[in-house]
Amino acid sequence: MSHDNLDFGPCCACGQTKPDVRNIVSLHKRYPPSDRKTSGWGCFQCGLPIEGANAVVCDECLETGVPIRFVVLGYLTDPDHPRIPLDQLPSEPFDHDYFKHPETWKLTWWTESPDEPTCSLSACRKIIEDEIPFRVWKPGYNLEAAFHPACFRLLTVYRPDLLRRPARDVDGLPF
């Protein structure tokens, strides 16, 4: 079986079976418990289990943004092409642990010190409560960032380049 003749079954958006159903969409939803083996997605880097739901859509639905209504249950190429409605998936979020993905981290800098400091690390972005924030200033730019002490330690170990990078955007916009 080559990539030219893979049969993914009907589109999970429009429901039509056609040759251009070839786009695999990994959803931020977990497959429901099932006796059937599934071809879910996961992440080895952050330890996300391989339980993420997948859908397949045709080129037209992908290009026009038709909402996905079903997900594949089983392997993507199962001959019976089982589907279940998207709304039957568990509602809990299924996503990466971005603390374990330093390649995605960004910082937010402010020109004025916020009254309720929010952690400047994109993997966190939570209000800093019950801790003294670790504050960093960019001399010459009048910019400030604030971090939970634990977030600052992670930043200095895994992405110190973000602290050295020249400021390009201000007013709370990440760069």
N, C-alpha and C. Protein backbone atom coordinates (compact mmCIF):
# COMPACT_ATOMS: atom_id res chain seq x y z
N MET A 1 0.85 -1.17 0.00
CA MET A 1 0.00 0.00 0.00
C MET A 1 0.89 1.24 0.00
N SER A 2 0.72 2.08 -1.00
CA SER A 2 1.51 3.31 -1.07
C SER A 2 0.65 4.48 -0.59
N HIS A 3 1.28 5.63 -0.46
CA HIS A 3 0.53 6.81 -0.02
C HIS A 3 -0.51 7.23 -1.04
N ASP A 4 -0.37 6.77 -2.30
CA ASP A 4 -1.33 7.13 -3.34
C ASP A 4 -2.65 6.38 -3.21
N ASN A 5 -2.65 5.23 -2.54
CA ASN A 5 -3.89 4.47 -2.46
C ASN A 5 -4.32 4.18 -1.02
N LEU A 6 -3.92 5.02 -0.08
CA LEU A 6 -4.40 4.86 1.29
C LEU A 6 -5.89 5.16 1.33
N ASP A 7 -6.63 4.34 2.03
CA ASP A 7 -8.07 4.54 2.15
C ASP A 7 -8.39 4.89 3.59
N PHE A 8 -8.64 6.17 3.84
CA PHE A 8 -8.97 6.63 5.19
C PHE A 8 -10.47 6.64 5.44
N GLY A 9 -11.27 6.29 4.44
CA GLY A 9 -12.72 6.28 4.63
C GLY A 9 -13.31 7.67 4.47
N PRO A 10 -14.52 7.87 5.02
CA PRO A 10 -15.21 9.15 4.83
C PRO A 10 -14.55 10.29 5.60
N CYS A 11 -14.74 11.49 5.06
CA CYS A 11 -14.24 12.72 5.69
C CYS A 11 -14.96 12.91 7.03
N CYS A 12 -14.21 13.26 8.06
CA CYS A 12 -14.79 13.45 9.40
C CYS A 12 -15.50 14.80 9.54
N ALA A 13 -15.49 15.61 8.47
CA ALA A 13 -16.21 16.88 8.50
C ALA A 13 -17.48 16.79 7.65
N CYS A 14 -17.33 16.52 6.35
CA CYS A 14 -18.51 16.50 5.47
C CYS A 14 -19.14 15.12 5.34
N GLY A 15 -18.42 14.07 5.72
CA GLY A 15 -18.96 12.71 5.67
C GLY A 15 -18.86 12.02 4.32
N GLN A 16 -18.33 12.71 3.32
CA GLN A 16 -18.23 12.11 1.98
C GLN A 16 -16.99 11.24 1.87
N THR A 17 -17.12 10.17 1.07
CA THR A 17 -15.97 9.31 0.77
C THR A 17 -15.47 9.72 -0.60
N LYS A 18 -14.25 10.18 -0.66
CA LYS A 18 -13.66 10.61 -1.93
C LYS A 18 -12.15 10.46 -1.86
N PRO A 19 -11.48 10.49 -3.01
CA PRO A 19 -10.04 10.21 -3.02
C PRO A 19 -9.19 11.23 -2.27
N ASP A 20 -9.68 12.46 -2.09
CA ASP A 20 -8.83 13.47 -1.44
C ASP A 20 -9.03 13.53 0.08
N VAL A 21 -9.59 12.47 0.68
CA VAL A 21 -9.63 12.37 2.15
C VAL A 21 -8.25 11.86 2.55
N ARG A 22 -7.33 12.80 2.80
CA ARG A 22 -5.93 12.42 3.03
C ARG A 22 -5.25 13.27 4.09
N ASN A 23 -5.98 14.14 4.74
CA ASN A 23 -5.41 15.05 5.73
C ASN A 23 -5.73 14.55 7.13
N ILE A 24 -4.69 14.24 7.89
CA ILE A 24 -4.85 13.74 9.25
C ILE A 24 -4.77 14.93 10.20
N VAL A 25 -5.78 15.08 11.05
CA VAL A 25 -5.85 16.19 12.00
C VAL A 25 -5.79 15.61 13.41
N SER A 26 -4.77 15.99 14.15
CA SER A 26 -4.64 15.56 15.55
C SER A 26 -5.38 16.56 16.42
N LEU A 27 -6.35 16.08 17.18
CA LEU A 27 -7.20 16.95 17.99
C LEU A 27 -6.72 16.99 19.43
N HIS A 28 -7.01 18.06 20.11
CA HIS A 28 -6.64 18.19 21.53
C HIS A 28 -7.75 17.60 22.40
N LYS A 29 -8.13 16.40 22.05
CA LYS A 29 -9.14 15.63 22.78
C LYS A 29 -8.60 14.22 22.96
N ARG A 30 -8.98 13.57 24.05
CA ARG A 30 -8.56 12.20 24.33
C ARG A 30 -9.60 11.24 23.78
N TYR A 31 -9.11 10.11 23.22
CA TYR A 31 -10.04 9.06 22.81
C TYR A 31 -10.79 8.55 24.03
N PRO A 32 -12.05 8.16 23.86
CA PRO A 32 -12.75 7.54 24.99
C PRO A 32 -12.22 6.14 25.23
N PRO A 33 -12.39 5.60 26.42
CA PRO A 33 -11.98 4.21 26.65
C PRO A 33 -12.71 3.29 25.67
N SER A 34 -12.00 2.33 25.11
CA SER A 34 -12.58 1.43 24.11
C SER A 34 -11.83 0.12 24.10
N ASP A 35 -12.51 -0.93 23.68
CA ASP A 35 -11.85 -2.23 23.49
C ASP A 35 -11.02 -2.23 22.22
N ARG A 36 -11.28 -1.29 21.35
CA ARG A 36 -10.64 -1.24 20.05
C ARG A 36 -9.30 -0.51 20.15
N LYS A 37 -8.29 -1.02 19.50
CA LYS A 37 -7.00 -0.32 19.43
C LYS A 37 -7.17 0.93 18.58
N THR A 38 -6.50 2.00 18.98
CA THR A 38 -6.60 3.25 18.23
C THR A 38 -5.23 3.71 17.79
N SER A 39 -5.22 4.52 16.73
CA SER A 39 -3.98 5.11 16.27
C SER A 39 -3.94 6.56 16.73
N GLY A 40 -3.86 6.74 18.03
CA GLY A 40 -3.85 8.08 18.60
C GLY A 40 -2.50 8.76 18.47
N TRP A 41 -2.44 9.98 18.95
CA TRP A 41 -1.18 10.71 18.95
C TRP A 41 -0.79 11.01 20.39
N GLY A 42 0.48 11.24 20.59
CA GLY A 42 1.01 11.56 21.90
C GLY A 42 2.37 12.23 21.73
N CYS A 43 3.13 12.34 22.79
CA CYS A 43 4.42 13.01 22.72
C CYS A 43 5.42 12.34 23.65
N PHE A 44 6.51 11.88 23.09
CA PHE A 44 7.55 11.26 23.90
C PHE A 44 8.30 12.29 24.74
N GLN A 45 8.46 13.51 24.21
CA GLN A 45 9.24 14.53 24.91
C GLN A 45 8.60 14.93 26.24
N CYS A 46 7.29 15.11 26.25
CA CYS A 46 6.64 15.55 27.50
C CYS A 46 5.86 14.44 28.18
N GLY A 47 5.88 13.24 27.62
CA GLY A 47 5.23 12.11 28.26
C GLY A 47 3.73 12.04 28.07
N LEU A 48 3.20 12.77 27.10
CA LEU A 48 1.77 12.72 26.82
C LEU A 48 1.44 11.34 26.25
N PRO A 49 0.51 10.60 26.87
CA PRO A 49 0.22 9.25 26.39
C PRO A 49 -0.36 9.26 24.97
N ILE A 50 -0.20 8.18 24.26
CA ILE A 50 -0.66 8.10 22.87
C ILE A 50 -2.16 7.79 22.88
N GLU A 51 -2.92 8.79 23.32
CA GLU A 51 -4.37 8.65 23.46
C GLU A 51 -5.12 9.82 22.83
N GLY A 52 -4.42 10.64 22.04
CA GLY A 52 -5.06 11.78 21.40
C GLY A 52 -5.89 11.35 20.20
N ALA A 53 -7.05 11.97 20.03
CA ALA A 53 -7.96 11.61 18.94
C ALA A 53 -7.48 12.19 17.62
N ASN A 54 -7.77 11.46 16.54
CA ASN A 54 -7.45 11.89 15.18
C ASN A 54 -8.71 11.94 14.34
N ALA A 55 -8.69 12.83 13.37
CA ALA A 55 -9.74 12.90 12.36
C ALA A 55 -9.05 12.93 11.00
N VAL A 56 -9.78 12.55 9.97
CA VAL A 56 -9.27 12.68 8.60
C VAL A 56 -10.26 13.54 7.83
N VAL A 57 -9.74 14.46 7.05
CA VAL A 57 -10.62 15.36 6.30
C VAL A 57 -10.16 15.47 4.86
N CYS A 58 -11.11 15.80 4.00
CA CYS A 58 -10.80 15.98 2.59
C CYS A 58 -10.15 17.35 2.39
N ASP A 59 -9.55 17.53 1.22
CA ASP A 59 -8.87 18.79 0.92
C ASP A 59 -9.81 19.98 1.03
N GLU A 60 -11.02 19.85 0.48
CA GLU A 60 -11.97 20.97 0.48
C GLU A 60 -12.35 21.38 1.90
N CYS A 61 -12.65 20.42 2.76
CA CYS A 61 -13.02 20.75 4.14
C CYS A 61 -11.85 21.37 4.90
N LEU A 62 -10.64 20.89 4.63
CA LEU A 62 -9.46 21.46 5.28
C LEU A 62 -9.27 22.91 4.85
N GLU A 63 -9.39 23.16 3.54
CA GLU A 63 -9.16 24.50 3.01
C GLU A 63 -10.24 25.49 3.43
N THR A 64 -11.48 25.03 3.54
CA THR A 64 -12.58 25.94 3.86
C THR A 64 -12.92 25.97 5.34
N GLY A 65 -12.28 25.13 6.14
CA GLY A 65 -12.49 25.15 7.59
C GLY A 65 -13.81 24.57 8.05
N VAL A 66 -14.34 23.60 7.31
CA VAL A 66 -15.58 22.94 7.73
C VAL A 66 -15.33 22.27 9.08
N PRO A 67 -16.20 22.48 10.06
CA PRO A 67 -15.97 21.90 11.39
C PRO A 67 -15.95 20.37 11.36
N ILE A 68 -15.05 19.81 12.13
CA ILE A 68 -14.95 18.35 12.25
C ILE A 68 -16.10 17.87 13.13
N ARG A 69 -16.82 16.85 12.66
CA ARG A 69 -17.97 16.32 13.41
C ARG A 69 -17.72 14.93 13.98
N PHE A 70 -16.75 14.21 13.40
CA PHE A 70 -16.47 12.84 13.82
C PHE A 70 -14.97 12.65 14.01
N VAL A 71 -14.60 11.62 14.75
CA VAL A 71 -13.20 11.22 14.88
C VAL A 71 -13.08 9.76 14.51
N VAL A 72 -11.88 9.39 14.08
CA VAL A 72 -11.60 8.00 13.72
C VAL A 72 -11.50 7.18 15.01
N LEU A 73 -12.17 6.06 15.04
CA LEU A 73 -12.06 5.13 16.16
C LEU A 73 -11.39 3.89 15.60
N GLY A 74 -10.24 3.56 16.08
CA GLY A 74 -9.47 2.46 15.52
C GLY A 74 -8.28 3.02 14.77
N TYR A 75 -7.69 2.21 13.92
CA TYR A 75 -6.57 2.67 13.12
C TYR A 75 -7.09 3.46 11.92
N LEU A 76 -6.29 4.38 11.44
CA LEU A 76 -6.73 5.26 10.36
C LEU A 76 -7.12 4.49 9.10
N THR A 77 -6.51 3.35 8.87
CA THR A 77 -6.79 2.59 7.64
C THR A 77 -7.62 1.33 7.90
N ASP A 78 -8.29 1.23 9.05
CA ASP A 78 -9.16 0.07 9.28
C ASP A 78 -10.17 -0.05 8.15
N PRO A 79 -10.40 -1.26 7.63
CA PRO A 79 -11.29 -1.41 6.48
C PRO A 79 -12.74 -0.99 6.76
N ASP A 80 -13.20 -1.09 8.00
CA ASP A 80 -14.59 -0.70 8.27
C ASP A 80 -14.74 0.78 8.61
N HIS A 81 -13.64 1.51 8.73
CA HIS A 81 -13.61 2.96 8.95
C HIS A 81 -14.55 3.41 10.07
N PRO A 82 -14.37 2.90 11.28
CA PRO A 82 -15.27 3.31 12.37
C PRO A 82 -15.09 4.78 12.74
N ARG A 83 -16.20 5.44 13.04
CA ARG A 83 -16.20 6.84 13.45
C ARG A 83 -17.10 6.98 14.68
N ILE A 84 -16.78 7.97 15.50
CA ILE A 84 -17.69 8.34 16.59
C ILE A 84 -17.84 9.86 16.56
N PRO A 85 -18.99 10.37 17.01
CA PRO A 85 -19.18 11.83 17.02
C PRO A 85 -18.15 12.51 17.94
N LEU A 86 -17.68 13.64 17.49
CA LEU A 86 -16.70 14.41 18.25
C LEU A 86 -17.21 14.74 19.65
N ASP A 87 -18.50 15.01 19.78
CA ASP A 87 -19.03 15.40 21.09
C ASP A 87 -19.11 14.23 22.08
N GLN A 88 -18.77 13.02 21.65
CA GLN A 88 -18.73 11.89 22.58
C GLN A 88 -17.35 11.72 23.24
N LEU A 89 -16.40 12.56 22.85
CA LEU A 89 -15.07 12.47 23.46
C LEU A 89 -15.09 13.12 24.84
N PRO A 90 -14.23 12.66 25.74
CA PRO A 90 -14.16 13.30 27.06
C PRO A 90 -13.85 14.79 26.93
N SER A 91 -14.39 15.58 27.84
CA SER A 91 -14.24 17.03 27.74
C SER A 91 -12.93 17.56 28.31
N GLU A 92 -12.20 16.74 29.07
CA GLU A 92 -10.96 17.23 29.68
C GLU A 92 -9.94 17.56 28.59
N PRO A 93 -9.12 18.59 28.83
CA PRO A 93 -8.11 18.97 27.84
C PRO A 93 -7.06 17.87 27.66
N PHE A 94 -6.57 17.76 26.45
CA PHE A 94 -5.51 16.81 26.12
C PHE A 94 -4.47 17.60 25.35
N ASP A 95 -3.37 17.94 25.99
CA ASP A 95 -2.38 18.81 25.35
C ASP A 95 -1.00 18.54 25.95
N HIS A 96 -0.01 19.09 25.30
CA HIS A 96 1.37 18.94 25.74
C HIS A 96 1.59 19.62 27.09
N ASP A 97 2.62 19.19 27.80
CA ASP A 97 3.10 19.88 28.99
C ASP A 97 4.18 20.84 28.50
N TYR A 98 3.80 22.10 28.30
CA TYR A 98 4.72 23.05 27.67
C TYR A 98 5.91 23.41 28.54
N PHE A 99 5.88 23.07 29.82
CA PHE A 99 7.08 23.23 30.63
C PHE A 99 8.18 22.29 30.14
N LYS A 100 7.81 21.19 29.50
CA LYS A 100 8.78 20.22 28.99
C LYS A 100 9.08 20.44 27.51
N HIS A 101 8.64 21.57 26.97
CA HIS A 101 8.92 21.95 25.58
C HIS A 101 9.56 23.33 25.55
N PRO A 102 10.79 23.47 26.03
CA PRO A 102 11.40 24.80 26.08
C PRO A 102 11.55 25.45 24.71
N GLU A 103 11.53 24.65 23.64
CA GLU A 103 11.65 25.23 22.30
C GLU A 103 10.45 26.11 21.96
N THR A 104 9.35 26.01 22.70
CA THR A 104 8.16 26.83 22.43
C THR A 104 8.07 28.06 23.33
N TRP A 105 8.95 28.19 24.29
CA TRP A 105 8.84 29.27 25.27
C TRP A 105 9.05 30.64 24.65
N LYS A 106 8.28 31.58 25.12
CA LYS A 106 8.45 32.99 24.79
C LYS A 106 8.33 33.78 26.08
N LEU A 107 8.77 35.02 26.04
CA LEU A 107 8.67 35.90 27.20
C LEU A 107 7.78 37.08 26.87
N THR A 108 7.10 37.58 27.88
CA THR A 108 6.33 38.81 27.74
C THR A 108 7.01 39.87 28.59
N TRP A 109 7.22 41.04 27.99
CA TRP A 109 7.84 42.17 28.68
C TRP A 109 6.82 43.29 28.79
N TRP A 110 6.86 44.04 29.89
CA TRP A 110 5.95 45.15 30.11
C TRP A 110 6.75 46.44 30.23
N THR A 111 6.11 47.54 29.79
CA THR A 111 6.74 48.86 29.96
C THR A 111 6.39 49.45 31.32
N GLU A 112 5.32 48.96 31.94
CA GLU A 112 4.95 49.41 33.28
C GLU A 112 4.77 48.18 34.16
N SER A 113 5.13 48.32 35.41
CA SER A 113 5.02 47.20 36.34
C SER A 113 3.54 46.91 36.62
N PRO A 114 3.07 45.69 36.31
CA PRO A 114 1.66 45.38 36.54
C PRO A 114 1.35 45.25 38.03
N ASP A 115 0.12 45.60 38.42
CA ASP A 115 -0.30 45.49 39.82
C ASP A 115 -0.34 44.03 40.27
N GLU A 116 -0.87 43.16 39.44
CA GLU A 116 -0.89 41.73 39.73
C GLU A 116 0.05 41.06 38.74
N PRO A 117 1.30 40.84 39.12
CA PRO A 117 2.23 40.29 38.14
C PRO A 117 1.83 38.90 37.68
N THR A 118 1.89 38.73 36.38
CA THR A 118 1.65 37.44 35.75
C THR A 118 3.00 36.93 35.28
N CYS A 119 3.24 35.65 35.45
CA CYS A 119 4.51 35.08 35.04
C CYS A 119 4.74 35.33 33.55
N SER A 120 5.92 35.83 33.21
CA SER A 120 6.24 36.18 31.84
C SER A 120 6.59 34.99 30.96
N LEU A 121 6.71 33.81 31.54
CA LEU A 121 7.05 32.61 30.76
C LEU A 121 5.79 32.06 30.11
N SER A 122 5.82 31.89 28.78
CA SER A 122 4.63 31.46 28.05
C SER A 122 4.10 30.11 28.50
N ALA A 123 4.95 29.24 29.02
CA ALA A 123 4.49 27.93 29.48
C ALA A 123 3.67 28.04 30.76
N CYS A 124 3.72 29.17 31.43
CA CYS A 124 3.03 29.34 32.72
C CYS A 124 1.89 30.36 32.60
N ARG A 125 2.23 31.62 32.49
CA ARG A 125 1.28 32.73 32.37
C ARG A 125 0.26 32.82 33.51
N LYS A 126 0.60 32.31 34.68
CA LYS A 126 -0.32 32.38 35.82
C LYS A 126 0.04 33.57 36.70
N ILE A 127 -0.95 34.10 37.40
CA ILE A 127 -0.71 35.20 38.33
C ILE A 127 0.21 34.69 39.44
N ILE A 128 1.17 35.51 39.81
CA ILE A 128 2.14 35.13 40.84
C ILE A 128 1.55 35.49 42.20
N GLU A 129 1.10 34.48 42.91
CA GLU A 129 0.51 34.66 44.24
C GLU A 129 1.33 33.88 45.25
N ASP A 130 1.33 34.36 46.48
CA ASP A 130 1.97 33.65 47.59
C ASP A 130 3.47 33.43 47.40
N GLU A 131 4.07 34.12 46.46
CA GLU A 131 5.52 34.05 46.25
C GLU A 131 6.00 35.45 45.89
N ILE A 132 7.21 35.74 46.19
CA ILE A 132 7.80 37.00 45.76
C ILE A 132 8.26 36.80 44.32
N PRO A 133 7.73 37.61 43.38
CA PRO A 133 8.12 37.42 41.98
C PRO A 133 9.58 37.74 41.76
N PHE A 134 10.19 37.00 40.88
CA PHE A 134 11.55 37.27 40.46
C PHE A 134 11.43 38.23 39.29
N ARG A 135 11.96 39.45 39.43
CA ARG A 135 11.80 40.48 38.40
C ARG A 135 13.11 40.69 37.64
N VAL A 136 12.96 40.91 36.34
CA VAL A 136 14.10 41.15 35.46
C VAL A 136 13.81 42.43 34.68
N TRP A 137 14.82 43.28 34.54
CA TRP A 137 14.69 44.51 33.78
C TRP A 137 15.64 44.48 32.60
N LYS A 138 15.22 45.12 31.50
CA LYS A 138 16.08 45.30 30.33
C LYS A 138 16.60 46.73 30.37
N PRO A 139 17.86 46.93 30.75
CA PRO A 139 18.40 48.29 30.80
C PRO A 139 18.34 48.94 29.42
N GLY A 140 17.98 50.20 29.41
CA GLY A 140 17.93 50.95 28.16
C GLY A 140 16.62 50.78 27.40
N TYR A 141 15.81 49.81 27.75
CA TYR A 141 14.54 49.59 27.07
C TYR A 141 13.34 49.94 27.95
N ASN A 142 13.55 50.13 29.26
CA ASN A 142 12.48 50.37 30.22
C ASN A 142 11.44 49.24 30.18
N LEU A 143 11.93 48.00 30.17
CA LEU A 143 11.06 46.83 30.11
C LEU A 143 11.28 45.96 31.34
N GLU A 144 10.20 45.31 31.77
CA GLU A 144 10.24 44.46 32.95
C GLU A 144 9.54 43.14 32.65
N ALA A 145 10.05 42.07 33.26
CA ALA A 145 9.40 40.76 33.23
C ALA A 145 9.37 40.24 34.66
N ALA A 146 8.37 39.41 34.96
CA ALA A 146 8.25 38.84 36.30
C ALA A 146 8.04 37.33 36.17
N PHE A 147 8.61 36.58 37.10
CA PHE A 147 8.54 35.12 37.03
C PHE A 147 8.30 34.52 38.40
N HIS A 148 7.65 33.35 38.42
CA HIS A 148 7.68 32.52 39.62
C HIS A 148 9.15 32.11 39.79
N PRO A 149 9.64 31.97 41.00
CA PRO A 149 11.03 31.53 41.17
C PRO A 149 11.33 30.22 40.43
N ALA A 150 10.42 29.26 40.46
CA ALA A 150 10.67 27.98 39.78
C ALA A 150 10.72 28.17 38.26
N CYS A 151 9.87 29.04 37.72
CA CYS A 151 9.89 29.29 36.27
C CYS A 151 11.19 29.97 35.86
N PHE A 152 11.67 30.90 36.70
CA PHE A 152 12.92 31.58 36.38
C PHE A 152 14.08 30.58 36.37
N ARG A 153 14.08 29.65 37.32
CA ARG A 153 15.14 28.63 37.34
C ARG A 153 15.11 27.80 36.06
N LEU A 154 13.92 27.37 35.63
CA LEU A 154 13.80 26.61 34.38
C LEU A 154 14.33 27.42 33.20
N LEU A 155 13.96 28.69 33.17
CA LEU A 155 14.37 29.56 32.08
C LEU A 155 15.89 29.70 32.01
N THR A 156 16.53 29.90 33.15
CA THR A 156 17.99 30.08 33.15
C THR A 156 18.72 28.80 32.79
N VAL A 157 18.11 27.65 33.03
CA VAL A 157 18.75 26.37 32.68
C VAL A 157 18.53 26.03 31.21
N TYR A 158 17.28 26.13 30.73
CA TYR A 158 16.95 25.62 29.40
C TYR A 158 16.92 26.66 28.30
N ARG A 159 16.62 27.94 28.61
CA ARG A 159 16.53 28.96 27.58
C ARG A 159 17.09 30.31 28.02
N PRO A 160 18.34 30.37 28.49
CA PRO A 160 18.89 31.67 28.90
C PRO A 160 18.97 32.65 27.74
N ASP A 161 18.96 32.15 26.51
CA ASP A 161 19.01 33.03 25.34
C ASP A 161 17.82 33.99 25.31
N LEU A 162 16.68 33.60 25.88
CA LEU A 162 15.51 34.49 25.88
C LEU A 162 15.74 35.73 26.74
N LEU A 163 16.56 35.61 27.76
CA LEU A 163 16.86 36.77 28.60
C LEU A 163 17.87 37.69 27.94
N ARG A 164 18.72 37.16 27.10
CA ARG A 164 19.75 37.96 26.43
C ARG A 164 19.26 38.59 25.14
N ARG A 165 18.19 38.07 24.58
CA ARG A 165 17.69 38.52 23.28
C ARG A 165 17.25 39.98 23.38
N PRO A 166 17.54 40.80 22.36
CA PRO A 166 17.09 42.20 22.41
C PRO A 166 15.56 42.27 22.34
N ALA A 167 15.00 43.23 23.06
CA ALA A 167 13.55 43.41 23.07
C ALA A 167 13.10 44.00 21.74
N ARG A 168 12.08 43.39 21.15
CA ARG A 168 11.54 43.90 19.89
C ARG A 168 10.10 44.40 20.05
N ASP A 169 9.30 43.68 20.82
CA ASP A 169 7.91 44.07 21.04
C ASP A 169 7.72 44.43 22.50
N VAL A 170 6.82 45.35 22.74
CA VAL A 170 6.57 45.78 24.12
C VAL A 170 5.08 45.74 24.41
N ASP A 171 4.70 46.31 25.55
CA ASP A 171 3.31 46.37 25.99
C ASP A 171 2.69 44.99 26.13
N GLY A 172 3.45 44.06 26.70
CA GLY A 172 2.90 42.76 27.00
C GLY A 172 2.82 41.80 25.84
N LEU A 173 3.40 42.16 24.70
CA LEU A 173 3.37 41.24 23.56
C LEU A 173 4.59 40.33 23.61
N PRO A 174 4.40 39.02 23.41
CA PRO A 174 5.55 38.13 23.44
C PRO A 174 6.42 38.32 22.22
N PHE A 175 7.68 37.99 22.37
CA PHE A 175 8.57 37.98 21.19
C PHE A 175 9.38 36.72 21.18
